[in-house]
PDB file of N, CA and C in Angstrom:
ATOM      1  N   MET A   1      90.115 118.879  98.829  1.00  0.00           N
ATOM      2  CA  MET A   1      90.877 118.541  99.753  1.00  0.00           C
ATOM      3  C   MET A   1      90.330 117.205 100.126  1.00  0.00           C
ATOM      4  N   PRO A   2      91.692 116.447  99.736  1.00  0.00           N
ATOM      5  CA  PRO A   2      91.184 114.708  99.964  1.00  0.00           C
ATOM      6  C   PRO A   2      90.758 115.039 102.018  1.00  0.00           C
ATOM      7  N   ALA A   3      89.704 113.270 102.132  1.00  0.00           N
ATOM      8  CA  ALA A   3      89.981 113.623 103.607  1.00  0.00           C
ATOM      9  C   ALA A   3      90.625 111.515 103.671  1.00  0.00           C
ATOM     10  N   PHE A   4      90.944 112.060 105.036  1.00  0.00           N
ATOM     11  CA  PHE A   4      91.562 110.953 105.841  1.00  0.00           C
ATOM     12  C   PHE A   4      90.972 110.484 107.026  1.00  0.00           C
ATOM     13  N   ASN A   5      90.817 109.380 107.544  1.00  0.00           N
ATOM     14  CA  ASN A   5      90.277 109.393 108.118  1.00  0.00           C
ATOM     15  C   ASN A   5      91.691 108.389 109.394  1.00  0.00           C
ATOM     16  N   GLY A   6      91.294 107.445 110.566  1.00  0.00           N
ATOM     17  CA  GLY A   6      91.786 107.028 111.127  1.00  0.00           C
ATOM     18  C   GLY A   6      92.992 106.002 110.756  1.00  0.00           C
ATOM     19  N   THR A   7      92.240 105.291 109.624  1.00  0.00           N
ATOM     20  CA  THR A   7      93.124 104.064 109.124  1.00  0.00           C
ATOM     21  C   THR A   7      94.122 104.656 107.935  1.00  0.00           C
ATOM     22  N   ALA A   8      94.170 105.685 107.489  1.00  0.00           N
ATOM     23  CA  ALA A   8      95.032 106.169 106.768  1.00  0.00           C
ATOM     24  C   ALA A   8      96.869 106.012 106.983  1.00  0.00           C
ATOM     25  N   THR A   9      97.062 106.047 105.772  1.00  0.00           N
ATOM     26  CA  THR A   9      98.539 105.212 106.469  1.00  0.00           C
ATOM     27  C   THR A   9      99.303 106.287 105.791  1.00  0.00           C
ATOM     28  N   SER A  10     100.735 106.428 106.276  1.00  0.00           N
ATOM     29  CA  SER A  10     101.803 107.273 106.046  1.00  0.00           C
ATOM     30  C   SER A  10     101.980 107.509 104.637  1.00  0.00           C
ATOM     31  N   GLU A  11     102.310 106.220 104.250  1.00  0.00           N
ATOM     32  CA  GLU A  11     102.248 106.359 102.598  1.00  0.00           C
ATOM     33  C   GLU A  11     100.676 106.984 102.382  1.00  0.00           C
ATOM     34  N   GLU A  12      99.740 107.016 102.352  1.00  0.00           N
ATOM     35  CA  GLU A  12      98.610 107.441 101.634  1.00  0.00           C
ATOM     36  C   GLU A  12      98.862 109.140 101.809  1.00  0.00           C
ATOM     37  N   VAL A  13      99.523 109.700 103.464  1.00  0.00           N
ATOM     38  CA  VAL A  13      99.376 110.690 103.360  1.00  0.00           C
ATOM     39  C   VAL A  13     100.529 111.405 102.339  1.00  0.00           C
ATOM     40  N   VAL A  14     101.608 111.040 102.537  1.00  0.00           N
ATOM     41  CA  VAL A  14     102.519 111.164 101.805  1.00  0.00           C
ATOM     42  C   VAL A  14     102.439 111.016 100.125  1.00  0.00           C
ATOM     43  N   ASP A  15     102.283 110.018  99.330  1.00  0.00           N
ATOM     44  CA  ASP A  15     101.648 109.799  98.406  1.00  0.00           C
ATOM     45  C   ASP A  15     100.658 111.131  97.751  1.00  0.00           C
ATOM     46  N   THR A  16      99.499 111.546  98.574  1.00  0.00           N
ATOM     47  CA  THR A  16      98.869 112.394  98.024  1.00  0.00           C
ATOM     48  C   THR A  16      99.752 113.608  98.266  1.00  0.00           C
ATOM     49  N   PHE A  17     100.226 113.765  98.697  1.00  0.00           N
ATOM     50  CA  PHE A  17     101.062 115.616  99.138  1.00  0.00           C
ATOM     51  C   PHE A  17     102.553 115.375  98.621  1.00  0.00           C
ATOM     52  N   SER A  18     102.872 114.289  98.138  1.00  0.00           N
ATOM     53  CA  SER A  18     104.495 114.570  97.365  1.00  0.00           C
ATOM     54  C   SER A  18     104.704 115.458  97.354  1.00  0.00           C
ATOM     55  N   SER A  19     104.518 116.661  96.039  1.00  0.00           N
ATOM     56  CA  SER A  19     104.298 117.820  95.731  1.00  0.00           C
ATOM     57  C   SER A  19     105.164 118.725  96.783  1.00  0.00           C
ATOM     58  N   GLU A  20     103.915 118.116  97.945  1.00  0.00           N
ATOM     59  CA  GLU A  20     104.569 119.205  99.141  1.00  0.00           C
ATOM     60  C   GLU A  20     105.857 118.975 100.111  1.00  0.00           C
ATOM     61  N   VAL A  21     105.829 117.643  99.255  1.00  0.00           N
ATOM     62  CA  VAL A  21     107.075 117.220 100.237  1.00  0.00           C
ATOM     63  C   VAL A  21     108.561 118.032 100.034  1.00  0.00           C
ATOM     64  N   THR A  22     108.351 117.508  98.529  1.00  0.00           N
ATOM     65  CA  THR A  22     109.659 117.390  97.669  1.00  0.00           C
ATOM     66  C   THR A  22     110.018 118.903  98.018  1.00  0.00           C
ATOM     67  N   GLY A  23     111.664 119.076  98.466  1.00  0.00           N
ATOM     68  CA  GLY A  23     112.509 119.794  99.069  1.00  0.00           C
ATOM     69  C   GLY A  23     112.169 120.858 100.071  1.00  0.00           C
ATOM     70  N   ARG A  24     111.370 120.115 101.183  1.00  0.00           N
ATOM     71  CA  ARG A  24     111.177 121.157 102.302  1.00  0.00           C
ATOM     72  C   ARG A  24     111.852 120.328 103.351  1.00  0.00           C
ATOM     73  N   THR A  25     112.252 121.005 104.113  1.00  0.00           N
ATOM     74  CA  THR A  25     113.141 120.407 105.358  1.00  0.00           C
ATOM     75  C   THR A  25     111.881 120.233 106.909  1.00  0.00           C
ATOM     76  N   PHE A  26     112.369 118.831 107.157  1.00  0.00           N
ATOM     77  CA  PHE A  26     111.414 118.118 108.353  1.00  0.00           C
ATOM     78  C   PHE A  26     112.179 118.261 110.142  1.00  0.00           C
ATOM     79  N   VAL A  27     111.370 119.063 110.817  1.00  0.00           N
ATOM     80  CA  VAL A  27     111.877 118.071 111.576  1.00  0.00           C
ATOM     81  C   VAL A  27     111.082 116.869 112.840  1.00  0.00           C
ATOM     82  N   ILE A  28     111.243 116.232 113.221  1.00  0.00           N
ATOM     83  CA  ILE A  28     110.035 115.368 113.564  1.00  0.00           C
ATOM     84  C   ILE A  28     111.068 114.729 115.277  1.00  0.00           C
ATOM     85  N   THR A  29     110.236 114.540 115.750  1.00  0.00           N
ATOM     86  CA  THR A  29     110.277 114.476 117.512  1.00  0.00           C
ATOM     87  C   THR A  29     109.713 113.053 117.166  1.00  0.00           C
ATOM     88  N   GLY A  30     110.273 112.469 118.630  1.00  0.00           N
ATOM     89  CA  GLY A  30     109.956 111.099 119.120  1.00  0.00           C
ATOM     90  C   GLY A  30     109.844 109.980 117.703  1.00  0.00           C
ATOM     91  N   ALA A  31     111.060 109.946 116.788  1.00  0.00           N
ATOM     92  CA  ALA A  31     111.041 109.116 115.852  1.00  0.00           C
ATOM     93  C   ALA A  31     111.960 107.803 115.576  1.00  0.00           C
ATOM     94  N   SER A  32     111.780 107.358 116.977  1.00  0.00           N
ATOM     95  CA  SER A  32     112.643 106.222 117.226  1.00  0.00           C
ATOM     96  C   SER A  32     112.307 105.110 116.391  1.00  0.00           C
ATOM     97  N   GLU A  33     113.010 103.777 116.426  1.00  0.00           N
ATOM     98  CA  GLU A  33     112.964 102.457 115.565  1.00  0.00           C
ATOM     99  C   GLU A  33     111.447 102.110 116.122  1.00  0.00           C
ATOM    100  N   GLN A  34     110.594 101.132 114.941  1.00  0.00           N
ATOM    101  CA  GLN A  34     109.382 101.215 114.665  1.00  0.00           C
ATOM    102  C   GLN A  34     108.029 102.277 115.852  1.00  0.00           C
ATOM    103  N   THR A  35     107.979 103.773 115.772  1.00  0.00           N
ATOM    104  CA  THR A  35     107.404 104.303 116.036  1.00  0.00           C
ATOM    105  C   THR A  35     106.947 104.921 114.974  1.00  0.00           C
ATOM    106  N   ILE A  36     105.715 105.596 115.571  1.00  0.00           N
ATOM    107  CA  ILE A  36     104.618 106.999 113.982  1.00  0.00           C
ATOM    108  C   ILE A  36     105.708 107.261 113.563  1.00  0.00           C
ATOM    109  N   GLY A  37     106.154 108.473 114.682  1.00  0.00           N
ATOM    110  CA  GLY A  37     107.552 109.428 113.921  1.00  0.00           C
ATOM    111  C   GLY A  37     108.165 108.686 112.685  1.00  0.00           C
ATOM    112  N   SER A  38     108.897 107.187 113.321  1.00  0.00           N
ATOM    113  CA  SER A  38     109.589 106.965 112.330  1.00  0.00           C
ATOM    114  C   SER A  38     109.020 106.276 111.066  1.00  0.00           C
ATOM    115  N   SER A  39     108.073 105.794 111.122  1.00  0.00           N
ATOM    116  CA  SER A  39     107.359 105.266 110.126  1.00  0.00           C
ATOM    117  C   SER A  39     107.443 106.652 108.883  1.00  0.00           C
ATOM    118  N   MET A  40     106.563 107.774 109.668  1.00  0.00           N
ATOM    119  CA  MET A  40     106.667 109.438 108.940  1.00  0.00           C
ATOM    120  C   MET A  40     108.235 109.792 107.631  1.00  0.00           C
ATOM    121  N   ALA A  41     109.027 109.527 109.004  1.00  0.00           N
ATOM    122  CA  ALA A  41     110.522 109.904 108.506  1.00  0.00           C
ATOM    123  C   ALA A  41     110.934 109.258 107.061  1.00  0.00           C
ATOM    124  N   ILE A  42     110.730 107.615 107.168  1.00  0.00           N
ATOM    125  CA  ILE A  42     111.192 107.001 106.549  1.00  0.00           C
ATOM    126  C   ILE A  42     109.988 107.365 104.813  1.00  0.00           C
ATOM    127  N   THR A  43     108.755 107.661 105.406  1.00  0.00           N
ATOM    128  CA  THR A  43     108.206 107.365 104.281  1.00  0.00           C
ATOM    129  C   THR A  43     108.378 108.789 103.347  1.00  0.00           C
ATOM    130  N   LEU A  44     108.363 109.463 104.720  1.00  0.00           N
ATOM    131  CA  LEU A  44     109.065 111.294 103.944  1.00  0.00           C
ATOM    132  C   LEU A  44     109.717 110.979 102.930  1.00  0.00           C
ATOM    133  N   ALA A  45     111.056 110.393 103.197  1.00  0.00           N
ATOM    134  CA  ALA A  45     111.974 110.133 102.518  1.00  0.00           C
ATOM    135  C   ALA A  45     112.217 109.910 100.996  1.00  0.00           C
ATOM    136  N   ARG A  46     110.842 109.095 100.675  1.00  0.00           N
ATOM    137  CA  ARG A  46     110.500 108.306  99.415  1.00  0.00           C
ATOM    138  C   ARG A  46     110.252 109.593  98.308  1.00  0.00           C
ATOM    139  N   ALA A  47     109.854 110.564  98.954  1.00  0.00           N
ATOM    140  CA  ALA A  47     109.278 111.944  98.655  1.00  0.00           C
ATOM    141  C   ALA A  47     110.006 113.245  98.305  1.00  0.00           C
ATOM    142  N   SER A  48     111.407 112.726  98.317  1.00  0.00           N
ATOM    143  CA  SER A  48     112.678 113.974  98.364  1.00  0.00           C
ATOM    144  C   SER A  48     112.328 115.075  98.990  1.00  0.00           C
ATOM    145  N   PRO A  49     112.570 115.009 100.188  1.00  0.00           N
ATOM    146  CA  PRO A  49     112.916 115.975 100.958  1.00  0.00           C
ATOM    147  C   PRO A  49     113.746 116.518 101.023  1.00  0.00           C
ATOM    148  N   LYS A  50     113.957 117.519 101.635  1.00  0.00           N
ATOM    149  CA  LYS A  50     115.209 118.954 101.629  1.00  0.00           C
ATOM    150  C   LYS A  50     116.401 118.014 102.882  1.00  0.00           C
ATOM    151  N   HIS A  51     115.581 117.899 103.913  1.00  0.00           N
ATOM    152  CA  HIS A  51     116.148 117.728 105.298  1.00  0.00           C
ATOM    153  C   HIS A  51     115.818 116.894 105.952  1.00  0.00           C
ATOM    154  N   ILE A  52     115.546 116.273 106.333  1.00  0.00           N
ATOM    155  CA  ILE A  52     114.785 115.545 107.356  1.00  0.00           C
ATOM    156  C   ILE A  52     115.562 115.320 108.979  1.00  0.00           C
ATOM    157  N   LEU A  53     115.197 116.012 110.202  1.00  0.00           N
ATOM    158  CA  LEU A  53     116.011 115.571 111.139  1.00  0.00           C
ATOM    159  C   LEU A  53     115.156 115.379 112.696  1.00  0.00           C
ATOM    160  N   ILE A  54     116.007 114.108 112.659  1.00  0.00           N
ATOM    161  CA  ILE A  54     115.262 113.639 114.055  1.00  0.00           C
ATOM    162  C   ILE A  54     115.793 113.716 115.134  1.00  0.00           C
ATOM    163  N   ALA A  55     115.396 114.544 116.188  1.00  0.00           N
ATOM    164  CA  ALA A  55     115.239 115.187 117.080  1.00  0.00           C
ATOM    165  C   ALA A  55     114.489 113.603 118.327  1.00  0.00           C
ATOM    166  N   SER A  56     116.026 113.221 119.239  1.00  0.00           N
ATOM    167  CA  SER A  56     115.706 112.172 119.758  1.00  0.00           C
ATOM    168  C   SER A  56     116.848 112.465 121.334  1.00  0.00           C
ATOM    169  N   ARG A  57     116.146 111.803 122.255  1.00  0.00           N
ATOM    170  CA  ARG A  57     117.061 112.135 123.398  1.00  0.00           C
ATOM    171  C   ARG A  57     118.883 111.513 122.967  1.00  0.00           C
ATOM    172  N   THR A  58     118.667 109.930 122.203  1.00  0.00           N
ATOM    173  CA  THR A  58     120.089 109.657 122.094  1.00  0.00           C
ATOM    174  C   THR A  58     119.842 108.933 120.974  1.00  0.00           C
ATOM    175  N   PRO A  59     121.699 109.261 120.293  1.00  0.00           N
ATOM    176  CA  PRO A  59     121.670 109.184 118.502  1.00  0.00           C
ATOM    177  C   PRO A  59     121.227 106.915 118.862  1.00  0.00           C
ATOM    178  N   ALA A  60     121.531 106.897 119.172  1.00  0.00           N
ATOM    179  CA  ALA A  60     120.875 105.176 119.444  1.00  0.00           C
ATOM    180  C   ALA A  60     119.530 104.784 118.979  1.00  0.00           C
ATOM    181  N   ARG A  61     118.425 105.717 119.431  1.00  0.00           N
ATOM    182  CA  ARG A  61     116.999 106.082 119.170  1.00  0.00           C
ATOM    183  C   ARG A  61     116.837 106.537 117.622  1.00  0.00           C
ATOM    184  N   ALA A  62     117.906 107.201 116.818  1.00  0.00           N
ATOM    185  CA  ALA A  62     117.372 107.571 115.893  1.00  0.00           C
ATOM    186  C   ALA A  62     118.784 107.111 114.644  1.00  0.00           C
ATOM    187  N   ASP A  63     119.994 106.237 114.937  1.00  0.00           N
ATOM    188  CA  ASP A  63     120.561 105.554 113.878  1.00  0.00           C
ATOM    189  C   ASP A  63     120.166 105.538 113.541  1.00  0.00           C
ATOM    190  N   SER A  64     118.958 103.942 113.597  1.00  0.00           N
ATOM    191  CA  SER A  64     118.386 103.141 112.395  1.00  0.00           C
ATOM    192  C   SER A  64     117.436 103.879 111.831  1.00  0.00           C
ATOM    193  N   VAL A  65     116.648 104.615 111.871  1.00  0.00           N
ATOM    194  CA  VAL A  65     115.688 105.952 111.338  1.00  0.00           C
ATOM    195  C   VAL A  65     116.793 106.412 110.474  1.00  0.00           C
ATOM    196  N   ILE A  66     117.631 106.834 110.575  1.00  0.00           N
ATOM    197  CA  ILE A  66     118.164 107.593 109.841  1.00  0.00           C
ATOM    198  C   ILE A  66     118.841 106.087 109.024  1.00  0.00           C
ATOM    199  N   ALA A  67     119.156 105.240 109.072  1.00  0.00           N
ATOM    200  CA  ALA A  67     119.773 104.329 108.192  1.00  0.00           C
ATOM    201  C   ALA A  67     119.064 103.732 107.197  1.00  0.00           C
ATOM    202  N   ALA A  68     117.217 103.878 107.476  1.00  0.00           N
ATOM    203  CA  ALA A  68     116.360 103.220 107.005  1.00  0.00           C
ATOM    204  C   ALA A  68     116.103 104.167 106.034  1.00  0.00           C
ATOM    205  N   ILE A  69     116.691 106.053 106.191  1.00  0.00           N
ATOM    206  CA  ILE A  69     116.040 106.743 105.579  1.00  0.00           C
ATOM    207  C   ILE A  69     116.890 106.989 104.312  1.00  0.00           C
ATOM    208  N   GLN A  70     118.264 106.530 104.537  1.00  0.00           N
ATOM    209  CA  GLN A  70     119.148 106.425 103.954  1.00  0.00           C
ATOM    210  C   GLN A  70     118.785 104.975 102.851  1.00  0.00           C
ATOM    211  N   LYS A  71     118.615 104.063 103.124  1.00  0.00           N
ATOM    212  CA  LYS A  71     118.094 103.043 102.323  1.00  0.00           C
ATOM    213  C   LYS A  71     116.940 103.182 101.436  1.00  0.00           C
ATOM    214  N   VAL A  72     116.004 103.492 101.836  1.00  0.00           N
ATOM    215  CA  VAL A  72     115.075 104.466 100.551  1.00  0.00           C
ATOM    216  C   VAL A  72     115.146 105.429  99.984  1.00  0.00           C
ATOM    217  N   ASN A  73     115.689 105.647 100.252  1.00  0.00           N
ATOM    218  CA  ASN A  73     116.604 107.147  99.412  1.00  0.00           C
ATOM    219  C   ASN A  73     117.932 107.828  99.880  1.00  0.00           C
ATOM    220  N   PRO A  74     118.833 107.343  99.269  1.00  0.00           N
ATOM    221  CA  PRO A  74     120.234 107.310  99.337  1.00  0.00           C
ATOM    222  C   PRO A  74     120.679 109.221  99.432  1.00  0.00           C
ATOM    223  N   THR A  75     120.082 109.677  98.470  1.00  0.00           N
ATOM    224  CA  THR A  75     120.044 110.882  98.397  1.00  0.00           C
ATOM    225  C   THR A  75     119.763 111.987  99.300  1.00  0.00           C
ATOM    226  N   ALA A  76     119.066 111.650 100.119  1.00  0.00           N
ATOM    227  CA  ALA A  76     117.922 112.234 100.931  1.00  0.00           C
ATOM    228  C   ALA A  76     118.976 112.803 102.552  1.00  0.00           C
ATOM    229  N   LYS A  77     118.450 113.554 102.574  1.00  0.00           N
ATOM    230  CA  LYS A  77     119.771 114.065 103.901  1.00  0.00           C
ATOM    231  C   LYS A  77     119.222 114.022 105.018  1.00  0.00           C
ATOM    232  N   ALA A  78     119.753 113.323 106.286  1.00  0.00           N
ATOM    233  CA  ALA A  78     119.176 112.716 107.356  1.00  0.00           C
ATOM    234  C   ALA A  78     120.228 113.081 108.536  1.00  0.00           C
ATOM    235  N   SER A  79     119.388 114.212 109.744  1.00  0.00           N
ATOM    236  CA  SER A  79     120.659 114.344 110.777  1.00  0.00           C
ATOM    237  C   SER A  79     119.579 114.186 111.917  1.00  0.00           C
ATOM    238  N   PHE A  80     120.783 113.883 113.129  1.00  0.00           N
ATOM    239  CA  PHE A  80     120.754 113.742 114.507  1.00  0.00           C
ATOM    240  C   PHE A  80     120.659 115.155 115.294  1.00  0.00           C
ATOM    241  N   ILE A  81     119.470 115.281 115.499  1.00  0.00           N
ATOM    242  CA  ILE A  81     120.159 116.273 116.805  1.00  0.00           C
ATOM    243  C   ILE A  81     119.502 115.649 118.149  1.00  0.00           C
ATOM    244  N   GLN A  82     120.685 115.913 119.300  1.00  0.00           N
ATOM    245  CA  GLN A  82     120.248 115.392 120.535  1.00  0.00           C
ATOM    246  C   GLN A  82     119.567 116.403 121.503  1.00  0.00           C
ATOM    247  N   VAL A  83     117.961 115.781 122.494  1.00  0.00           N
ATOM    248  CA  VAL A  83     116.878 116.710 123.192  1.00  0.00           C
ATOM    249  C   VAL A  83     116.664 115.831 123.516  1.00  0.00           C
ATOM    250  N   ASP A  84     116.240 116.650 124.700  1.00  0.00           N
ATOM    251  CA  ASP A  84     115.288 115.631 126.021  1.00  0.00           C
ATOM    252  C   ASP A  84     114.166 116.932 126.224  1.00  0.00           C
ATOM    253  N   LEU A  85     113.530 116.168 125.767  1.00  0.00           N
ATOM    254  CA  LEU A  85     112.000 116.909 125.587  1.00  0.00           C
ATOM    255  C   LEU A  85     112.254 117.436 127.141  1.00  0.00           C
ATOM    256  N   SER A  86     111.878 116.945 128.445  1.00  0.00           N
ATOM    257  CA  SER A  86     112.019 117.498 129.215  1.00  0.00           C
ATOM    258  C   SER A  86     112.690 118.459 130.383  1.00  0.00           C
ATOM    259  N   ASP A  87     113.987 118.767 129.487  1.00  0.00           N
ATOM    260  CA  ASP A  87     114.778 119.820 129.630  1.00  0.00           C
ATOM    261  C   ASP A  87     114.383 120.668 129.309  1.00  0.00           C
ATOM    262  N   HIS A  88     114.405 121.696 129.464  1.00  0.00           N
ATOM    263  CA  HIS A  88     114.297 123.328 128.898  1.00  0.00           C
ATOM    264  C   HIS A  88     115.692 123.765 127.917  1.00  0.00           C
ATOM    265  N   GLN A  89     116.421 123.249 128.839  1.00  0.00           N
ATOM    266  CA  GLN A  89     117.761 123.609 128.665  1.00  0.00           C
ATOM    267  C   GLN A  89     118.443 122.767 127.141  1.00  0.00           C
ATOM    268  N   THR A  90     118.425 121.402 127.079  1.00  0.00           N
ATOM    269  CA  THR A  90     118.555 120.918 125.712  1.00  0.00           C
ATOM    270  C   THR A  90     117.745 121.468 124.926  1.00  0.00           C
ATOM    271  N   VAL A  91     116.224 121.540 125.119  1.00  0.00           N
ATOM    272  CA  VAL A  91     115.632 122.183 123.520  1.00  0.00           C
ATOM    273  C   VAL A  91     115.951 123.578 123.779  1.00  0.00           C
ATOM    274  N   ARG A  92     116.326 124.113 124.218  1.00  0.00           N
ATOM    275  CA  ARG A  92     116.926 125.278 123.861  1.00  0.00           C
ATOM    276  C   ARG A  92     118.566 125.359 122.856  1.00  0.00           C
ATOM    277  N   ARG A  93     118.621 124.629 123.485  1.00  0.00           N
ATOM    278  CA  ARG A  93     120.519 123.947 122.633  1.00  0.00           C
ATOM    279  C   ARG A  93     120.122 123.615 121.396  1.00  0.00           C
ATOM    280  N   ALA A  94     119.360 122.558 121.165  1.00  0.00           N
ATOM    281  CA  ALA A  94     118.251 121.686 119.951  1.00  0.00           C
ATOM    282  C   ALA A  94     117.865 123.046 119.206  1.00  0.00           C
ATOM    283  N   ALA A  95     117.337 123.614 119.869  1.00  0.00           N
ATOM    284  CA  ALA A  95     116.704 124.879 119.005  1.00  0.00           C
ATOM    285  C   ALA A  95     117.490 125.758 117.976  1.00  0.00           C
ATOM    286  N   ARG A  96     118.679 125.552 118.525  1.00  0.00           N
ATOM    287  CA  ARG A  96     119.570 126.766 118.064  1.00  0.00           C
ATOM    288  C   ARG A  96     120.101 125.718 117.153  1.00  0.00           C
ATOM    289  N   GLU A  97     120.581 124.353 117.325  1.00  0.00           N
ATOM    290  CA  GLU A  97     121.171 123.532 116.609  1.00  0.00           C
ATOM    291  C   GLU A  97     120.459 123.412 115.289  1.00  0.00           C
ATOM    292  N   ILE A  98     118.937 123.334 115.380  1.00  0.00           N
ATOM    293  CA  ILE A  98     118.537 123.157 114.210  1.00  0.00           C
ATOM    294  C   ILE A  98     118.284 124.226 113.432  1.00  0.00           C
ATOM    295  N   LEU A  99     117.920 125.574 113.675  1.00  0.00           N
ATOM    296  CA  LEU A  99     118.084 126.304 112.917  1.00  0.00           C
ATOM    297  C   LEU A  99     119.732 126.974 112.478  1.00  0.00           C
ATOM    298  N   ASP A 100     119.987 126.525 113.020  1.00  0.00           N
ATOM    299  CA  ASP A 100     121.631 126.457 112.474  1.00  0.00           C
ATOM    300  C   ASP A 100     122.032 125.398 110.740  1.00  0.00           C
ATOM    301  N   ALA A 101     121.377 124.024 111.383  1.00  0.00           N
ATOM    302  CA  ALA A 101     121.571 123.462 110.167  1.00  0.00           C
ATOM    303  C   ALA A 101     120.496 123.809 108.824  1.00  0.00           C
ATOM    304  N   THR A 102     119.772 124.366 109.255  1.00  0.00           N
ATOM    305  CA  THR A 102     118.617 124.726 108.314  1.00  0.00           C
ATOM    306  C   THR A 102     118.660 126.106 107.927  1.00  0.00           C
ATOM    307  N   SER A 103     119.258 127.181 108.084  1.00  0.00           N
ATOM    308  CA  SER A 103     119.901 127.827 108.019  1.00  0.00           C
ATOM    309  C   SER A 103     118.658 128.591 108.095  1.00  0.00           C
ATOM    310  N   SER A 104     118.036 128.782 109.797  1.00  0.00           N
ATOM    311  CA  SER A 104     116.636 129.105 110.337  1.00  0.00           C
ATOM    312  C   SER A 104     115.628 128.689 109.265  1.00  0.00           C
ATOM    313  N   ARG A 105     114.993 127.903 108.448  1.00  0.00           N
ATOM    314  CA  ARG A 105     114.158 127.149 107.983  1.00  0.00           C
ATOM    315  C   ARG A 105     113.476 126.174 108.021  1.00  0.00           C
ATOM    316  N   ILE A 106     112.388 125.757 108.741  1.00  0.00           N
ATOM    317  CA  ILE A 106     111.631 124.379 108.964  1.00  0.00           C
ATOM    318  C   ILE A 106     110.371 124.674 108.359  1.00  0.00           C
ATOM    319  N   ASP A 107     110.389 123.705 107.267  1.00  0.00           N
ATOM    320  CA  ASP A 107     108.913 123.772 106.462  1.00  0.00           C
ATOM    321  C   ASP A 107     107.538 122.974 107.194  1.00  0.00           C
ATOM    322  N   VAL A 108     108.337 121.833 108.112  1.00  0.00           N
ATOM    323  CA  VAL A 108     107.541 121.411 109.159  1.00  0.00           C
ATOM    324  C   VAL A 108     107.519 120.406 110.110  1.00  0.00           C
ATOM    325  N   LEU A 109     107.072 120.635 111.369  1.00  0.00           N
ATOM    326  CA  LEU A 109     107.221 119.939 112.167  1.00  0.00           C
ATOM    327  C   LEU A 109     106.172 119.034 112.781  1.00  0.00           C
ATOM    328  N   ILE A 110     107.101 117.778 112.774  1.00  0.00           N
ATOM    329  CA  ILE A 110     106.194 116.453 113.287  1.00  0.00           C
ATOM    330  C   ILE A 110     105.987 116.154 114.538  1.00  0.00           C
ATOM    331  N   ASN A 111     105.153 116.222 115.890  1.00  0.00           N
ATOM    332  CA  ASN A 111     105.680 116.250 117.035  1.00  0.00           C
ATOM    333  C   ASN A 111     104.901 115.254 117.980  1.00  0.00           C
ATOM    334  N   SER A 112     105.876 114.017 117.533  1.00  0.00           N
ATOM    335  CA  SER A 112     105.616 112.501 117.751  1.00  0.00           C
ATOM    336  C   SER A 112     105.777 111.934 118.935  1.00  0.00           C
ATOM    337  N   ALA A 113     106.886 112.611 119.636  1.00  0.00           N
ATOM    338  CA  ALA A 113     107.377 112.053 120.890  1.00  0.00           C
ATOM    339  C   ALA A 113     106.121 112.185 121.928  1.00  0.00           C
ATOM    340  N   GLY A 114     106.355 110.970 122.628  1.00  0.00           N
ATOM    341  CA  GLY A 114     105.074 110.724 123.932  1.00  0.00           C
ATOM    342  C   GLY A 114     105.808 110.813 124.523  1.00  0.00           C
ATOM    343  N   VAL A 115     104.928 110.763 126.182  1.00  0.00           N
ATOM    344  CA  VAL A 115     105.808 110.456 127.739  1.00  0.00           C
ATOM    345  C   VAL A 115     105.565 109.232 127.858  1.00  0.00           C
ATOM    346  N   ALA A 116     105.651 108.107 128.729  1.00  0.00           N
ATOM    347  CA  ALA A 116     105.243 107.111 128.950  1.00  0.00           C
ATOM    348  C   ALA A 116     104.995 107.433 130.618  1.00  0.00           C
ATOM    349  N   ALA A 117     104.106 107.889 131.184  1.00  0.00           N
ATOM    350  CA  ALA A 117     104.076 107.625 132.568  1.00  0.00           C
ATOM    351  C   ALA A 117     103.777 106.370 133.368  1.00  0.00           C
ATOM    352  N   PRO A 118     104.484 106.496 134.433  1.00  0.00           N
ATOM    353  CA  PRO A 118     104.282 104.513 135.168  1.00  0.00           C
ATOM    354  C   PRO A 118     102.297 104.418 135.613  1.00  0.00           C
TER     355      PRO A 118
END
């Protein structure tokens, strides 16, 4: 088993596990532009996943990430799911939409959303 430390990049992880990415479905929270989540989503696209779903509060936060995924891998399926993780009602709705979009199969959930308190 490979060992990673605090300096490991998403590229190193995906390169090591690329055979585990290919054909899999990923849901990523907190993947707005220039975040850890967006970096992971874009890097995952290189390894030909089946589907990457970006769960975010607004389409504007996800649009540039989806465009970057398409630029890296034009055949990659990437979708936006609207969700406000502080609102249980939108979380439940988003869960239903994700299950519908994935035929009830999610292989990997990457929780990278964060809440900044003033």
